């Protein structure tokens, strides 16, 4: 959220960089210094203002609310799609995803 609010033009580059460089799941890695380093390496600026936004706690409530809404919707991983009220992971179930999309498009 901090990257989007401070430098929205670089958000998707940061997002892609983050996904390409994050350590394996299960490792605790999303620490401030690493997130800021990833942002710098992805071309996000201003870096010190970004660090301030991340450490200030200004996004904590929004993150908690989003996580709670995702959990309530049955979202356990990303990417995830909700098609006609059904949750599906396109990477785990590509055939089911295609069928649901085709069905939704024909309705």
N, C-alpha and C. Protein backbone atom coordinates (compact mmCIF):
# COMPACT_ATOMS: atom_id res chain seq x y z
N UNK A 1 0.82 -1.19 0.00
CA UNK A 1 0.00 0.00 0.00
C UNK A 1 0.87 1.25 0.00
N UNK A 2 1.99 1.20 0.69
CA UNK A 2 2.86 2.37 0.74
C UNK A 2 3.39 2.70 -0.64
N UNK A 3 3.81 1.69 -1.40
CA UNK A 3 4.33 1.94 -2.75
C UNK A 3 3.22 2.54 -3.61
N UNK A 4 2.03 1.97 -3.56
CA UNK A 4 0.92 2.48 -4.35
C UNK A 4 0.63 3.94 -4.01
N UNK A 5 0.64 4.28 -2.74
CA UNK A 5 0.32 5.64 -2.32
C UNK A 5 1.43 6.64 -2.61
N UNK A 6 2.68 6.21 -2.53
CA UNK A 6 3.79 7.14 -2.73
C UNK A 6 4.24 7.25 -4.18
N UNK A 7 4.24 6.16 -4.90
CA UNK A 7 4.78 6.14 -6.26
C UNK A 7 4.00 5.15 -7.11
N UNK A 8 2.72 5.45 -7.39
CA UNK A 8 1.85 4.48 -8.05
C UNK A 8 2.35 4.01 -9.41
N UNK A 9 3.12 4.83 -10.10
CA UNK A 9 3.64 4.43 -11.40
C UNK A 9 4.62 3.27 -11.34
N UNK A 10 5.17 3.01 -10.17
CA UNK A 10 6.13 1.90 -10.02
C UNK A 10 5.53 0.69 -9.31
N UNK A 11 4.25 0.79 -8.94
CA UNK A 11 3.66 -0.28 -8.14
C UNK A 11 3.78 -1.65 -8.80
N UNK A 12 3.39 -1.77 -10.06
CA UNK A 12 3.38 -3.09 -10.69
C UNK A 12 4.79 -3.62 -10.91
N UNK A 13 5.75 -2.74 -11.18
CA UNK A 13 7.14 -3.19 -11.29
C UNK A 13 7.61 -3.72 -9.93
N UNK A 14 7.24 -3.03 -8.86
CA UNK A 14 7.59 -3.49 -7.51
C UNK A 14 6.92 -4.82 -7.22
N UNK A 15 5.66 -4.93 -7.54
CA UNK A 15 4.90 -6.17 -7.31
C UNK A 15 5.57 -7.34 -8.02
N UNK A 16 5.91 -7.17 -9.29
CA UNK A 16 6.57 -8.23 -10.05
C UNK A 16 7.94 -8.56 -9.46
N UNK A 17 8.70 -7.53 -9.08
CA UNK A 17 10.02 -7.74 -8.49
C UNK A 17 9.90 -8.52 -7.19
N UNK A 18 8.95 -8.13 -6.38
CA UNK A 18 8.72 -8.79 -5.09
C UNK A 18 8.40 -10.27 -5.29
N UNK A 19 7.49 -10.57 -6.20
CA UNK A 19 7.12 -11.97 -6.44
C UNK A 19 8.29 -12.78 -7.00
N UNK A 20 9.09 -12.16 -7.85
CA UNK A 20 10.22 -12.87 -8.46
C UNK A 20 11.36 -13.11 -7.48
N UNK A 21 11.44 -12.30 -6.43
CA UNK A 21 12.60 -12.37 -5.53
C UNK A 21 12.29 -12.79 -4.11
N UNK A 22 11.05 -13.07 -3.80
CA UNK A 22 10.73 -13.47 -2.43
C UNK A 22 11.28 -14.86 -2.15
N UNK A 23 11.75 -15.09 -0.94
CA UNK A 23 12.21 -16.43 -0.55
C UNK A 23 11.06 -17.43 -0.53
N UNK A 24 11.37 -18.70 -0.39
CA UNK A 24 10.32 -19.72 -0.36
C UNK A 24 9.31 -19.47 0.76
N UNK A 25 8.08 -19.92 0.52
CA UNK A 25 7.04 -19.78 1.55
C UNK A 25 7.48 -20.48 2.82
N UNK A 26 7.02 -19.96 3.94
CA UNK A 26 7.38 -20.54 5.22
C UNK A 26 8.55 -19.84 5.88
N UNK A 27 9.31 -19.08 5.10
CA UNK A 27 10.41 -18.31 5.67
C UNK A 27 9.90 -16.91 6.00
N UNK A 28 10.33 -16.42 7.13
CA UNK A 28 9.96 -15.05 7.51
C UNK A 28 10.91 -14.10 6.79
N UNK A 29 10.39 -13.36 5.85
CA UNK A 29 11.26 -12.53 5.03
C UNK A 29 10.75 -11.11 4.81
N UNK A 30 9.47 -10.86 5.00
CA UNK A 30 8.89 -9.56 4.68
C UNK A 30 9.18 -8.54 5.78
N UNK A 31 10.45 -8.32 6.02
CA UNK A 31 10.89 -7.36 7.03
C UNK A 31 11.12 -6.00 6.35
N UNK A 32 11.06 -4.94 7.11
CA UNK A 32 11.14 -3.59 6.55
C UNK A 32 12.37 -3.41 5.68
N UNK A 33 13.55 -3.77 6.17
CA UNK A 33 14.77 -3.54 5.38
C UNK A 33 14.72 -4.25 4.04
N UNK A 34 14.23 -5.47 4.03
CA UNK A 34 14.17 -6.22 2.77
C UNK A 34 13.13 -5.61 1.83
N UNK A 35 11.97 -5.25 2.35
CA UNK A 35 10.94 -4.64 1.50
C UNK A 35 11.42 -3.33 0.90
N UNK A 36 12.12 -2.54 1.70
CA UNK A 36 12.65 -1.27 1.21
C UNK A 36 13.75 -1.52 0.17
N UNK A 37 14.59 -2.51 0.41
CA UNK A 37 15.64 -2.84 -0.57
C UNK A 37 15.01 -3.29 -1.88
N UNK A 38 14.01 -4.15 -1.80
CA UNK A 38 13.31 -4.59 -3.01
C UNK A 38 12.71 -3.38 -3.74
N UNK A 39 12.12 -2.45 -2.99
CA UNK A 39 11.54 -1.26 -3.60
C UNK A 39 12.61 -0.44 -4.32
N UNK A 40 13.74 -0.24 -3.67
CA UNK A 40 14.84 0.50 -4.29
C UNK A 40 15.28 -0.19 -5.57
N UNK A 41 15.46 -1.51 -5.50
CA UNK A 41 15.92 -2.27 -6.66
C UNK A 41 14.88 -2.27 -7.79
N UNK A 42 13.62 -2.09 -7.45
CA UNK A 42 12.55 -2.05 -8.46
C UNK A 42 12.31 -0.64 -8.99
N UNK A 43 13.04 0.35 -8.46
CA UNK A 43 12.93 1.71 -8.96
C UNK A 43 11.89 2.58 -8.27
N UNK A 44 11.45 2.18 -7.10
CA UNK A 44 10.47 2.95 -6.35
C UNK A 44 11.17 4.10 -5.64
N UNK A 45 10.50 5.22 -5.52
CA UNK A 45 11.05 6.33 -4.77
C UNK A 45 9.91 7.18 -4.22
N UNK A 46 10.17 8.04 -3.32
CA UNK A 46 11.38 8.26 -2.53
C UNK A 46 11.51 7.19 -1.42
N UNK A 47 12.66 6.60 -1.34
CA UNK A 47 12.87 5.44 -0.48
C UNK A 47 12.70 5.75 1.01
N UNK A 48 13.28 6.83 1.49
CA UNK A 48 13.16 7.11 2.93
C UNK A 48 11.72 7.43 3.33
N UNK A 49 10.98 8.07 2.43
CA UNK A 49 9.58 8.32 2.71
C UNK A 49 8.81 7.00 2.73
N UNK A 50 9.17 6.10 1.83
CA UNK A 50 8.56 4.77 1.81
C UNK A 50 8.82 4.05 3.13
N UNK A 51 10.08 4.08 3.58
CA UNK A 51 10.42 3.44 4.85
C UNK A 51 9.57 4.03 5.98
N UNK A 52 9.41 5.33 5.98
CA UNK A 52 8.61 5.99 7.02
C UNK A 52 7.15 5.52 6.97
N UNK A 53 6.60 5.41 5.77
CA UNK A 53 5.21 4.93 5.65
C UNK A 53 5.08 3.50 6.16
N UNK A 54 6.04 2.66 5.83
CA UNK A 54 5.98 1.25 6.23
C UNK A 54 6.09 1.12 7.75
N UNK A 55 6.98 1.86 8.36
CA UNK A 55 7.22 1.72 9.80
C UNK A 55 6.22 2.49 10.66
N UNK A 56 5.46 3.39 10.06
CA UNK A 56 4.54 4.23 10.84
C UNK A 56 3.31 3.48 11.34
N UNK A 57 2.98 2.37 10.71
CA UNK A 57 1.79 1.63 11.09
C UNK A 57 0.52 2.15 10.44
N UNK A 58 0.65 3.12 9.54
CA UNK A 58 -0.54 3.74 8.94
C UNK A 58 -1.40 2.78 8.12
N UNK A 59 -0.83 1.66 7.69
CA UNK A 59 -1.59 0.72 6.86
C UNK A 59 -2.02 -0.53 7.62
N UNK A 60 -1.68 -0.63 8.88
CA UNK A 60 -1.95 -1.85 9.64
C UNK A 60 -3.44 -2.21 9.68
N UNK A 61 -4.29 -1.26 9.92
CA UNK A 61 -5.73 -1.55 10.01
C UNK A 61 -6.27 -2.00 8.65
N UNK A 62 -5.85 -1.35 7.59
CA UNK A 62 -6.31 -1.74 6.25
C UNK A 62 -5.83 -3.14 5.90
N UNK A 63 -4.60 -3.47 6.28
CA UNK A 63 -4.07 -4.81 6.01
C UNK A 63 -4.84 -5.85 6.82
N UNK A 64 -5.09 -5.57 8.08
CA UNK A 64 -5.87 -6.50 8.91
C UNK A 64 -7.27 -6.72 8.34
N UNK A 65 -7.93 -5.64 7.95
CA UNK A 65 -9.28 -5.75 7.40
C UNK A 65 -9.29 -6.54 6.10
N UNK A 66 -8.30 -6.31 5.26
CA UNK A 66 -8.21 -7.05 4.00
C UNK A 66 -7.94 -8.53 4.26
N UNK A 67 -7.05 -8.83 5.19
CA UNK A 67 -6.75 -10.23 5.52
C UNK A 67 -7.99 -10.92 6.08
N UNK A 68 -8.74 -10.23 6.92
CA UNK A 68 -9.96 -10.82 7.49
C UNK A 68 -11.00 -11.06 6.40
N UNK A 69 -11.16 -10.12 5.48
CA UNK A 69 -12.12 -10.30 4.39
C UNK A 69 -11.70 -11.46 3.49
N UNK A 70 -10.41 -11.57 3.22
CA UNK A 70 -9.91 -12.68 2.39
C UNK A 70 -10.17 -14.01 3.07
N UNK A 71 -9.89 -14.08 4.37
CA UNK A 71 -10.11 -15.32 5.11
C UNK A 71 -11.59 -15.68 5.10
N UNK A 72 -12.44 -14.70 5.31
CA UNK A 72 -13.89 -14.95 5.32
C UNK A 72 -14.37 -15.43 3.95
N UNK A 73 -13.71 -14.97 2.88
CA UNK A 73 -14.09 -15.38 1.52
C UNK A 73 -13.48 -16.72 1.12
N UNK A 74 -12.64 -17.29 1.99
CA UNK A 74 -12.03 -18.57 1.69
C UNK A 74 -10.74 -18.48 0.91
N UNK A 75 -10.16 -17.31 0.85
CA UNK A 75 -8.90 -17.12 0.13
C UNK A 75 -7.76 -17.61 1.01
N UNK A 76 -7.02 -18.59 0.51
CA UNK A 76 -5.89 -19.15 1.26
C UNK A 76 -4.56 -18.87 0.60
N UNK A 77 -4.59 -18.48 -0.66
CA UNK A 77 -3.35 -18.21 -1.39
C UNK A 77 -3.67 -17.27 -2.55
N UNK A 78 -2.63 -16.84 -3.23
CA UNK A 78 -2.81 -16.04 -4.43
C UNK A 78 -2.05 -16.69 -5.57
N UNK A 79 -2.48 -16.52 -6.79
CA UNK A 79 -3.68 -15.79 -7.18
C UNK A 79 -4.94 -16.62 -6.90
N UNK A 80 -6.03 -15.92 -6.77
CA UNK A 80 -7.32 -16.56 -6.52
C UNK A 80 -8.39 -15.79 -7.30
N UNK A 81 -9.35 -16.49 -7.79
CA UNK A 81 -10.48 -15.87 -8.48
C UNK A 81 -11.77 -16.29 -7.78
N UNK A 82 -12.74 -15.41 -7.78
CA UNK A 82 -14.08 -15.75 -7.31
C UNK A 82 -14.99 -15.59 -8.52
N UNK A 83 -15.51 -16.71 -8.99
CA UNK A 83 -16.33 -16.73 -10.20
C UNK A 83 -17.72 -17.20 -9.80
N UNK A 84 -18.69 -16.32 -9.96
CA UNK A 84 -20.07 -16.64 -9.56
C UNK A 84 -20.13 -17.17 -8.13
N UNK A 85 -19.37 -16.56 -7.24
CA UNK A 85 -19.39 -16.93 -5.83
C UNK A 85 -18.55 -18.13 -5.47
N UNK A 86 -17.89 -18.73 -6.45
CA UNK A 86 -17.03 -19.89 -6.19
C UNK A 86 -15.57 -19.48 -6.25
N UNK A 87 -14.81 -19.87 -5.24
CA UNK A 87 -13.40 -19.54 -5.15
C UNK A 87 -12.59 -20.62 -5.86
N UNK A 88 -11.67 -20.19 -6.71
CA UNK A 88 -10.84 -21.14 -7.45
C UNK A 88 -9.43 -20.57 -7.61
N UNK A 89 -8.45 -21.44 -7.49
CA UNK A 89 -7.06 -21.06 -7.73
C UNK A 89 -6.70 -21.45 -9.16
N UNK A 90 -6.47 -20.48 -10.04
CA UNK A 90 -6.21 -20.82 -11.43
C UNK A 90 -4.93 -21.63 -11.63
N UNK A 91 -3.98 -21.52 -10.73
CA UNK A 91 -2.75 -22.29 -10.87
C UNK A 91 -2.92 -23.73 -10.40
N UNK A 92 -3.75 -23.93 -9.39
CA UNK A 92 -3.97 -25.28 -8.86
C UNK A 92 -5.02 -26.06 -9.65
N UNK A 93 -5.97 -25.34 -10.23
CA UNK A 93 -7.08 -26.01 -10.93
C UNK A 93 -7.39 -25.29 -12.24
N UNK A 94 -6.46 -25.31 -13.20
CA UNK A 94 -6.70 -24.57 -14.45
C UNK A 94 -7.92 -25.06 -15.22
N UNK A 95 -8.16 -26.36 -15.23
CA UNK A 95 -9.33 -26.89 -15.94
C UNK A 95 -10.63 -26.41 -15.33
N UNK A 96 -10.71 -26.47 -14.01
CA UNK A 96 -11.92 -26.00 -13.31
C UNK A 96 -12.10 -24.50 -13.52
N UNK A 97 -11.00 -23.77 -13.48
CA UNK A 97 -11.06 -22.32 -13.69
C UNK A 97 -11.64 -22.03 -15.07
N UNK A 98 -11.13 -22.70 -16.08
CA UNK A 98 -11.62 -22.49 -17.45
C UNK A 98 -13.11 -22.82 -17.56
N UNK A 99 -13.53 -23.94 -16.97
CA UNK A 99 -14.95 -24.32 -17.02
C UNK A 99 -15.83 -23.26 -16.35
N UNK A 100 -15.41 -22.78 -15.18
CA UNK A 100 -16.19 -21.77 -14.48
C UNK A 100 -16.26 -20.46 -15.27
N UNK A 101 -15.14 -20.08 -15.87
CA UNK A 101 -15.13 -18.85 -16.68
C UNK A 101 -16.02 -19.00 -17.91
N UNK A 102 -15.92 -20.16 -18.57
CA UNK A 102 -16.76 -20.40 -19.75
C UNK A 102 -18.23 -20.38 -19.38
N UNK A 103 -18.56 -21.01 -18.26
CA UNK A 103 -19.95 -21.05 -17.79
C UNK A 103 -20.44 -19.65 -17.46
N UNK A 104 -19.61 -18.86 -16.77
CA UNK A 104 -20.00 -17.50 -16.40
C UNK A 104 -20.19 -16.63 -17.64
N UNK A 105 -19.34 -16.83 -18.65
CA UNK A 105 -19.44 -16.04 -19.87
C UNK A 105 -20.69 -16.38 -20.67
N UNK A 106 -21.13 -17.62 -20.57
CA UNK A 106 -22.31 -18.04 -21.35
C UNK A 106 -23.62 -17.73 -20.64
N UNK A 107 -23.57 -17.42 -19.36
CA UNK A 107 -24.80 -17.12 -18.60
C UNK A 107 -25.33 -15.74 -18.93
